[in-house]
Amino acid sequence: MWQWQDLILTIINFGFMVTAIPALLRNYQHKEAKSQSLSMYLSTAILLTAMAYVFLTLDMFLSCASTAGTGIMWYILTYQKIIYSN
């Protein structure tokens, strides 16, 4: 059964994904990731992973998938921070 909260959280997470795309592309194009600290990228990715799991346990599958997608983007930002900082 669909829950309205699931839909709203999914829309919000897709908004976060859209806003992260320019940062991912900029980092890739310039081969640098100066905007945030490594700990901020990594902690955000880990916390989003935990949130995705919580949504899964609540049977909020759209929120789980969209939060996991946002988390993956933050893991990519973390990876870019690591490889472009050397």
N, C-alpha and C. Protein backbone atom coordinates (compact mmCIF):
# COMPACT_ATOMS: atom_id res chain seq x y z
N MET A 1 0.84 -1.18 0.00
CA MET A 1 0.00 0.00 0.00
C MET A 1 0.89 1.25 0.00
N TRP A 2 0.50 2.23 -0.80
CA TRP A 2 1.26 3.46 -0.89
C TRP A 2 0.94 4.38 0.28
N GLN A 3 1.97 5.03 0.75
CA GLN A 3 1.82 6.02 1.81
C GLN A 3 2.21 7.37 1.24
N TRP A 4 1.48 8.40 1.61
CA TRP A 4 1.80 9.72 1.07
C TRP A 4 3.19 10.17 1.50
N GLN A 5 3.61 9.74 2.70
CA GLN A 5 4.94 10.12 3.19
C GLN A 5 6.03 9.53 2.30
N ASP A 6 5.80 8.31 1.81
CA ASP A 6 6.76 7.66 0.93
C ASP A 6 6.95 8.48 -0.34
N LEU A 7 5.88 8.96 -0.90
CA LEU A 7 5.95 9.76 -2.12
C LEU A 7 6.67 11.08 -1.87
N ILE A 8 6.34 11.76 -0.79
CA ILE A 8 6.98 13.05 -0.48
C ILE A 8 8.48 12.87 -0.25
N LEU A 9 8.86 11.87 0.54
CA LEU A 9 10.28 11.62 0.80
C LEU A 9 11.03 11.24 -0.47
N THR A 10 10.37 10.53 -1.36
CA THR A 10 10.98 10.17 -2.64
C THR A 10 11.24 11.41 -3.48
N ILE A 11 10.27 12.29 -3.55
CA ILE A 11 10.43 13.53 -4.31
C ILE A 11 11.57 14.37 -3.73
N ILE A 12 11.63 14.47 -2.42
CA ILE A 12 12.70 15.23 -1.77
C ILE A 12 14.06 14.63 -2.10
N ASN A 13 14.17 13.30 -2.03
CA ASN A 13 15.46 12.66 -2.32
C ASN A 13 15.86 12.83 -3.78
N PHE A 14 14.90 12.77 -4.71
CA PHE A 14 15.24 13.04 -6.10
C PHE A 14 15.71 14.48 -6.27
N GLY A 15 15.14 15.40 -5.50
CA GLY A 15 15.63 16.77 -5.51
C GLY A 15 17.08 16.86 -5.05
N PHE A 16 17.42 16.11 -3.99
CA PHE A 16 18.81 16.08 -3.53
C PHE A 16 19.74 15.50 -4.60
N MET A 17 19.27 14.47 -5.29
CA MET A 17 20.09 13.87 -6.35
C MET A 17 20.34 14.85 -7.48
N VAL A 18 19.31 15.58 -7.87
CA VAL A 18 19.45 16.56 -8.95
C VAL A 18 20.43 17.65 -8.55
N THR A 19 20.38 18.10 -7.30
CA THR A 19 21.29 19.16 -6.87
C THR A 19 22.72 18.67 -6.72
N ALA A 20 22.93 17.36 -6.57
CA ALA A 20 24.29 16.82 -6.44
C ALA A 20 24.95 16.60 -7.80
N ILE A 21 24.17 16.50 -8.86
CA ILE A 21 24.74 16.24 -10.18
C ILE A 21 25.77 17.29 -10.60
N PRO A 22 25.52 18.59 -10.45
CA PRO A 22 26.55 19.56 -10.83
C PRO A 22 27.87 19.39 -10.06
N ALA A 23 27.79 19.04 -8.79
CA ALA A 23 29.02 18.83 -8.02
C ALA A 23 29.79 17.62 -8.54
N LEU A 24 29.08 16.54 -8.84
CA LEU A 24 29.74 15.35 -9.38
C LEU A 24 30.41 15.66 -10.71
N LEU A 25 29.71 16.35 -11.58
CA LEU A 25 30.26 16.68 -12.89
C LEU A 25 31.42 17.65 -12.79
N ARG A 26 31.28 18.66 -11.92
CA ARG A 26 32.36 19.63 -11.74
C ARG A 26 33.62 18.96 -11.23
N ASN A 27 33.46 18.11 -10.23
CA ASN A 27 34.62 17.40 -9.68
C ASN A 27 35.29 16.56 -10.76
N TYR A 28 34.49 15.89 -11.57
CA TYR A 28 35.04 15.03 -12.63
C TYR A 28 35.76 15.86 -13.69
N GLN A 29 35.14 16.96 -14.10
CA GLN A 29 35.72 17.79 -15.16
C GLN A 29 37.02 18.46 -14.72
N HIS A 30 37.05 18.94 -13.48
CA HIS A 30 38.22 19.67 -12.99
C HIS A 30 39.21 18.79 -12.23
N LYS A 31 38.84 17.53 -12.03
CA LYS A 31 39.68 16.58 -11.29
C LYS A 31 40.09 17.13 -9.92
N GLU A 32 39.13 17.75 -9.25
CA GLU A 32 39.34 18.26 -7.90
C GLU A 32 38.02 18.22 -7.14
N ALA A 33 38.12 18.14 -5.83
CA ALA A 33 36.92 18.14 -4.98
C ALA A 33 37.25 18.96 -3.74
N LYS A 34 37.15 20.27 -3.86
CA LYS A 34 37.56 21.17 -2.79
C LYS A 34 36.42 21.64 -1.91
N SER A 35 35.17 21.40 -2.31
CA SER A 35 34.06 22.09 -1.66
C SER A 35 33.81 21.67 -0.21
N GLN A 36 33.93 20.40 0.13
CA GLN A 36 33.62 19.95 1.49
C GLN A 36 34.73 19.03 2.01
N SER A 37 34.65 18.73 3.30
CA SER A 37 35.65 17.86 3.90
C SER A 37 35.29 16.40 3.64
N LEU A 38 36.29 15.56 3.70
CA LEU A 38 36.10 14.12 3.51
C LEU A 38 35.15 13.56 4.56
N SER A 39 35.29 14.00 5.80
CA SER A 39 34.43 13.49 6.87
C SER A 39 32.97 13.85 6.63
N MET A 40 32.70 15.02 6.04
CA MET A 40 31.32 15.40 5.75
C MET A 40 30.74 14.53 4.65
N TYR A 41 31.51 14.28 3.60
CA TYR A 41 31.04 13.40 2.53
C TYR A 41 30.76 12.00 3.05
N LEU A 42 31.70 11.45 3.78
CA LEU A 42 31.56 10.07 4.24
C LEU A 42 30.45 9.91 5.27
N SER A 43 30.36 10.83 6.23
CA SER A 43 29.31 10.71 7.24
C SER A 43 27.93 10.87 6.62
N THR A 44 27.78 11.75 5.64
CA THR A 44 26.49 11.90 4.96
C THR A 44 26.13 10.62 4.22
N ALA A 45 27.08 10.01 3.53
CA ALA A 45 26.83 8.77 2.81
C ALA A 45 26.41 7.65 3.75
N ILE A 46 27.09 7.52 4.87
CA ILE A 46 26.78 6.47 5.84
C ILE A 46 25.40 6.69 6.46
N LEU A 47 25.10 7.92 6.83
CA LEU A 47 23.80 8.22 7.43
C LEU A 47 22.65 8.01 6.43
N LEU A 48 22.87 8.34 5.18
CA LEU A 48 21.85 8.07 4.16
C LEU A 48 21.64 6.58 3.97
N THR A 49 22.70 5.81 4.07
CA THR A 49 22.58 4.35 3.99
C THR A 49 21.72 3.83 5.14
N ALA A 50 21.95 4.34 6.34
CA ALA A 50 21.15 3.94 7.50
C ALA A 50 19.69 4.34 7.30
N MET A 51 19.45 5.54 6.77
CA MET A 51 18.08 5.97 6.51
C MET A 51 17.40 5.08 5.50
N ALA A 52 18.12 4.68 4.46
CA ALA A 52 17.54 3.80 3.45
C ALA A 52 17.12 2.47 4.08
N TYR A 53 17.94 1.96 4.99
CA TYR A 53 17.59 0.72 5.67
C TYR A 53 16.34 0.89 6.53
N VAL A 54 16.25 2.01 7.23
CA VAL A 54 15.06 2.27 8.05
C VAL A 54 13.82 2.33 7.17
N PHE A 55 13.90 3.01 6.03
CA PHE A 55 12.76 3.07 5.12
C PHE A 55 12.38 1.68 4.62
N LEU A 56 13.38 0.85 4.37
CA LEU A 56 13.12 -0.52 3.93
C LEU A 56 12.33 -1.29 4.99
N THR A 57 12.73 -1.14 6.25
CA THR A 57 12.04 -1.85 7.33
C THR A 57 10.62 -1.34 7.55
N LEU A 58 10.34 -0.11 7.10
CA LEU A 58 9.00 0.47 7.21
C LEU A 58 8.16 0.21 5.96
N ASP A 59 8.68 -0.60 5.03
CA ASP A 59 8.02 -0.90 3.76
C ASP A 59 7.77 0.36 2.93
N MET A 60 8.67 1.31 3.05
CA MET A 60 8.61 2.53 2.24
C MET A 60 9.65 2.37 1.13
N PHE A 61 9.28 1.56 0.13
CA PHE A 61 10.25 1.11 -0.87
C PHE A 61 10.73 2.22 -1.79
N LEU A 62 9.86 3.16 -2.14
CA LEU A 62 10.30 4.28 -2.97
C LEU A 62 11.29 5.16 -2.21
N SER A 63 10.99 5.44 -0.96
CA SER A 63 11.91 6.23 -0.14
C SER A 63 13.23 5.51 0.05
N CYS A 64 13.16 4.21 0.24
CA CYS A 64 14.38 3.41 0.39
C CYS A 64 15.24 3.53 -0.85
N ALA A 65 14.63 3.33 -2.03
CA ALA A 65 15.40 3.39 -3.28
C ALA A 65 15.96 4.78 -3.54
N SER A 66 15.16 5.81 -3.33
CA SER A 66 15.65 7.16 -3.61
C SER A 66 16.70 7.60 -2.60
N THR A 67 16.55 7.21 -1.35
CA THR A 67 17.57 7.54 -0.34
C THR A 67 18.85 6.78 -0.62
N ALA A 68 18.73 5.52 -1.03
CA ALA A 68 19.91 4.75 -1.41
C ALA A 68 20.61 5.40 -2.60
N GLY A 69 19.83 5.89 -3.56
CA GLY A 69 20.42 6.59 -4.70
C GLY A 69 21.16 7.84 -4.29
N THR A 70 20.58 8.60 -3.38
CA THR A 70 21.24 9.80 -2.87
C THR A 70 22.51 9.41 -2.12
N GLY A 71 22.44 8.33 -1.33
CA GLY A 71 23.63 7.85 -0.62
C GLY A 71 24.74 7.44 -1.58
N ILE A 72 24.37 6.78 -2.67
CA ILE A 72 25.37 6.38 -3.66
C ILE A 72 26.06 7.60 -4.24
N MET A 73 25.29 8.66 -4.49
CA MET A 73 25.91 9.88 -5.01
C MET A 73 26.92 10.45 -4.01
N TRP A 74 26.58 10.37 -2.71
CA TRP A 74 27.52 10.86 -1.69
C TRP A 74 28.73 9.95 -1.58
N TYR A 75 28.57 8.65 -1.80
CA TYR A 75 29.75 7.77 -1.85
C TYR A 75 30.63 8.12 -3.04
N ILE A 76 30.02 8.47 -4.16
CA ILE A 76 30.81 8.89 -5.33
C ILE A 76 31.55 10.19 -5.02
N LEU A 77 30.88 11.14 -4.37
CA LEU A 77 31.56 12.37 -3.95
C LEU A 77 32.72 12.07 -3.01
N THR A 78 32.51 11.12 -2.10
CA THR A 78 33.58 10.71 -1.19
C THR A 78 34.76 10.14 -1.97
N TYR A 79 34.46 9.28 -2.93
CA TYR A 79 35.50 8.69 -3.77
C TYR A 79 36.25 9.78 -4.54
N GLN A 80 35.50 10.73 -5.12
CA GLN A 80 36.15 11.82 -5.83
C GLN A 80 37.05 12.63 -4.91
N LYS A 81 36.59 12.87 -3.70
CA LYS A 81 37.38 13.63 -2.73
C LYS A 81 38.71 12.92 -2.45
N ILE A 82 38.64 11.59 -2.32
CA ILE A 82 39.84 10.82 -2.03
C ILE A 82 40.80 10.82 -3.22
N ILE A 83 40.31 10.52 -4.41
CA ILE A 83 41.22 10.39 -5.54
C ILE A 83 41.71 11.74 -6.07
N TYR A 84 40.90 12.78 -5.96
CA TYR A 84 41.32 14.07 -6.50
C TYR A 84 42.10 14.90 -5.47
N SER A 85 42.15 14.46 -4.23
CA SER A 85 42.92 15.20 -3.22
C SER A 85 44.37 14.81 -3.19
N ASN A 86 44.70 13.74 -3.87
CA ASN A 86 46.11 13.26 -3.88
C ASN A 86 46.92 13.92 -4.96
